[in-house]
Amino acid sequence: MNRLWPGTTAALVALGALACGLALLMCMGNVPYSAAATATSEVTVRLFQFRPATLSVPANRPITWTNADDIEHTVTSGEPGKKDGRFEARLAGKGATFVAQGLAPGTYHYFCERHPSMAGDVFIQ
């Protein structure tokens, strides 16, 4: 008679789901992933956060940052204390926008100079 110990079926199902998830991750390779990042080339600044914080876009696609907060923020390339000069803009208040165009493929870190804990990354493919 073939009998499984109690709970074995649930454990096997969970193990199978884990294996499928790992296989999916392996198929994705080393591409930075964010569900929102792959669908848009827009970043919203809201509640002291860049949303999405990680954005992947094809080369030559403009990227738009829009301020949804009432206060001023900046979009400054580089790291806090180490601006790299690739782009910099002031978002003066609610509704202010900045569009970056013509960025070469690569990784761009950016932050808000007024609020250095706000940071994000753009991956140009």
Protein backbone atom coordinates (compact mmCIF):
# COMPACT_ATOMS: atom_id res chain seq x y z
CA MET A 1 0.00 0.00 0.00
CA ASN A 2 1.38 3.45 -0.98
CA ARG A 3 0.51 5.98 1.71
CA LEU A 4 1.93 9.44 2.20
CA TRP A 5 2.60 10.89 5.60
CA PRO A 6 0.06 13.56 6.66
CA GLY A 7 1.00 16.92 5.13
CA THR A 8 3.25 15.39 2.44
CA THR A 9 0.94 16.42 -0.41
CA ALA A 10 0.89 20.05 0.73
CA ALA A 11 4.68 20.04 1.11
CA LEU A 12 5.13 18.62 -2.40
CA VAL A 13 2.79 21.23 -3.88
CA ALA A 14 4.70 24.03 -2.12
CA LEU A 15 8.03 22.60 -3.30
CA GLY A 16 6.74 22.46 -6.88
CA ALA A 17 5.58 26.09 -6.72
CA LEU A 18 8.99 27.12 -5.39
CA ALA A 19 10.75 25.27 -8.22
CA CYS A 20 8.54 26.98 -10.83
CA GLY A 21 9.27 30.39 -9.30
CA LEU A 22 13.03 29.75 -9.33
CA ALA A 23 12.88 28.59 -12.95
CA LEU A 24 11.07 31.79 -13.90
CA LEU A 25 13.71 33.92 -12.17
CA MET A 26 16.47 32.05 -13.97
CA CYS A 27 14.80 32.69 -17.33
CA MET A 28 14.67 36.42 -16.59
CA GLY A 29 18.47 36.58 -16.31
CA ASN A 30 20.12 39.60 -14.74
CA VAL A 31 17.62 42.15 -16.04
CA PRO A 32 16.47 44.52 -13.26
CA TYR A 33 12.81 43.81 -12.69
CA SER A 34 9.91 45.92 -11.57
CA ALA A 35 6.41 45.25 -12.86
CA ALA A 36 5.64 48.96 -13.01
CA ALA A 37 9.05 49.78 -14.42
CA THR A 38 8.66 47.76 -17.60
CA ALA A 39 5.25 49.21 -18.46
CA THR A 40 5.95 52.95 -18.33
CA SER A 41 8.55 55.67 -18.72
CA GLU A 42 7.04 57.88 -16.05
CA VAL A 43 8.00 58.43 -12.42
CA THR A 44 5.71 60.10 -9.92
CA VAL A 45 7.12 61.92 -6.90
CA ARG A 46 4.64 61.31 -4.10
CA LEU A 47 4.97 61.31 -0.31
CA PHE A 48 8.77 61.73 -0.44
CA GLN A 49 9.26 58.76 -2.78
CA PHE A 50 10.03 58.22 -6.45
CA ARG A 51 7.42 55.76 -7.78
CA PRO A 52 8.49 53.45 -9.20
CA ALA A 53 11.91 53.66 -7.54
CA THR A 54 13.39 51.43 -10.25
CA LEU A 55 12.57 52.04 -13.89
CA SER A 56 13.72 50.07 -16.95
CA VAL A 57 13.15 51.67 -20.35
CA PRO A 58 14.37 51.17 -23.91
CA ALA A 59 17.00 53.55 -25.28
CA ASN A 60 15.70 56.80 -26.80
CA ARG A 61 12.48 56.79 -24.79
CA PRO A 62 11.93 60.03 -22.84
CA ILE A 63 11.49 59.65 -19.08
CA THR A 64 9.10 62.00 -17.29
CA TRP A 65 9.14 62.79 -13.56
CA THR A 66 5.99 64.48 -12.20
CA ASN A 67 5.74 66.02 -8.75
CA ALA A 68 2.51 65.05 -6.96
CA ASP A 69 3.62 66.67 -3.68
CA ASP A 70 2.92 70.26 -2.72
CA ILE A 71 6.58 70.92 -1.90
CA GLU A 72 9.68 71.24 -4.07
CA HIS A 73 11.82 68.23 -4.96
CA THR A 74 14.73 67.73 -7.34
CA VAL A 75 15.69 64.98 -9.75
CA THR A 76 19.48 64.94 -9.55
CA SER A 77 21.66 62.26 -11.13
CA GLY A 78 24.33 60.63 -8.99
CA GLU A 79 24.40 59.97 -5.27
CA PRO A 80 23.83 62.40 -2.39
CA GLY A 81 27.04 64.40 -2.08
CA LYS A 82 28.28 63.09 -5.47
CA LYS A 83 26.24 64.61 -8.30
CA ASP A 84 27.43 63.26 -11.65
CA GLY A 85 25.99 66.00 -13.89
CA ARG A 86 24.05 63.73 -16.25
CA PHE A 87 20.74 65.44 -15.43
CA GLU A 88 19.33 67.79 -12.83
CA ALA A 89 15.96 69.47 -12.50
CA ARG A 90 13.89 71.26 -9.92
CA LEU A 91 10.26 70.21 -9.48
CA ALA A 92 8.91 73.40 -7.93
CA GLY A 93 5.62 71.98 -6.64
CA LYS A 94 2.55 69.95 -7.47
CA GLY A 95 2.24 69.30 -11.20
CA ALA A 96 5.83 70.28 -12.07
CA THR A 97 7.48 67.93 -14.56
CA PHE A 98 10.94 67.14 -15.88
CA VAL A 99 11.66 65.13 -19.03
CA ALA A 100 15.04 63.49 -19.62
CA GLN A 101 15.72 62.59 -23.24
CA GLY A 102 18.56 60.99 -25.13
CA LEU A 103 20.09 59.06 -22.23
CA ALA A 104 22.60 56.48 -23.42
CA PRO A 105 22.16 52.85 -22.36
CA GLY A 106 23.36 52.28 -18.83
CA THR A 107 22.42 52.70 -15.18
CA TYR A 108 21.50 56.09 -13.77
CA HIS A 109 21.21 56.60 -10.03
CA TYR A 110 19.35 59.72 -8.93
CA PHE A 111 18.08 61.41 -5.77
CA CYS A 112 16.37 64.53 -4.40
CA GLU A 113 18.88 67.14 -3.19
CA ARG A 114 16.40 68.53 -0.69
CA HIS A 115 15.53 65.09 0.68
CA PRO A 116 18.59 62.81 0.16
CA SER A 117 16.76 59.72 1.45
CA MET A 118 14.66 59.89 -1.74
CA ALA A 119 16.49 57.91 -4.42
CA GLY A 120 15.84 55.91 -7.55
CA ASP A 121 17.46 54.11 -10.46
CA VAL A 122 16.85 54.19 -14.19
CA PHE A 123 18.11 51.36 -16.38
CA ILE A 124 18.33 52.30 -20.06
CA GLN A 125 18.47 49.18 -22.27
